[in-house]
Amino acid sequence: MGDEKMKLQLQKEKGEKQTNEVLRKKELKERKAKRKKKVKAHLLPRAIDRRCPEPRQI
């Protein structure tokens, strides 16, 4: 009986660990996507500036 309880407890913990792992991975993906979006938004004006340099004064 004790072994069965331990088995059930381990299965429950394993399920919780898997759930936590999935949630953690999902959160990391969301953070990465946010960072990527931020970087793109940050670099956009710089890219436009390079394409259209201001005219030089002679």
Protein backbone atom coordinates (compact mmCIF):
# COMPACT_ATOMS: atom_id res chain seq x y z
CA MET A 1 0.00 0.00 0.00
CA GLY A 2 2.83 2.39 0.85
CA ASP A 3 4.52 1.76 -2.50
CA GLU A 4 1.31 2.56 -4.36
CA LYS A 5 0.95 5.86 -2.51
CA MET A 6 4.56 6.75 -3.29
CA LYS A 7 4.00 5.84 -6.95
CA LEU A 8 0.90 8.04 -7.13
CA GLN A 9 2.73 10.88 -5.39
CA LEU A 10 5.66 10.63 -7.82
CA GLN A 11 3.30 10.58 -10.82
CA LYS A 12 1.51 13.65 -9.46
CA GLU A 13 4.82 15.48 -8.92
CA LYS A 14 6.02 14.48 -12.37
CA GLY A 15 2.79 15.86 -13.88
CA GLU A 16 3.25 19.12 -11.96
CA LYS A 17 6.86 19.37 -13.12
CA GLN A 18 5.84 18.85 -16.74
CA THR A 19 3.11 21.46 -16.40
CA ASN A 20 5.55 23.94 -14.85
CA GLU A 21 8.08 23.22 -17.60
CA VAL A 22 5.50 23.84 -20.34
CA LEU A 23 4.39 27.09 -18.71
CA ARG A 24 7.99 28.22 -18.29
CA LYS A 25 8.82 27.52 -21.93
CA LYS A 26 5.69 29.37 -23.07
CA GLU A 27 6.62 32.38 -20.94
CA LEU A 28 10.17 32.37 -22.32
CA LYS A 29 8.84 32.32 -25.89
CA GLU A 30 6.56 35.28 -25.11
CA ARG A 31 9.45 37.23 -23.57
CA LYS A 32 11.65 36.48 -26.57
CA ALA A 33 8.92 37.64 -28.96
CA LYS A 34 8.50 40.87 -26.97
CA ARG A 35 12.25 41.49 -27.00
CA LYS A 36 12.43 40.83 -30.73
CA LYS A 37 9.55 43.23 -31.33
CA LYS A 38 11.22 45.89 -29.16
CA VAL A 39 14.53 45.53 -30.99
CA LYS A 40 12.84 45.80 -34.39
CA ALA A 41 10.95 48.92 -33.29
CA HIS A 42 14.16 50.40 -31.90
CA LEU A 43 16.17 49.76 -35.07
CA LEU A 44 13.53 50.94 -37.51
CA PRO A 45 14.24 54.71 -37.32
CA ARG A 46 17.97 54.05 -37.62
CA ALA A 47 17.45 52.03 -40.81
CA ILE A 48 15.37 54.82 -42.31
CA ASP A 49 18.08 57.37 -41.43
CA ARG A 50 20.72 55.32 -43.24
CA ARG A 51 18.65 55.12 -46.40
CA CYS A 52 17.87 58.84 -46.48
CA PRO A 53 20.93 60.78 -45.29
CA GLU A 54 20.53 64.50 -44.78
CA PRO A 55 22.00 66.67 -47.56
CA ARG A 56 25.43 68.10 -46.84
CA GLN A 57 26.02 71.82 -46.74
CA ILE A 58 28.86 73.03 -48.94
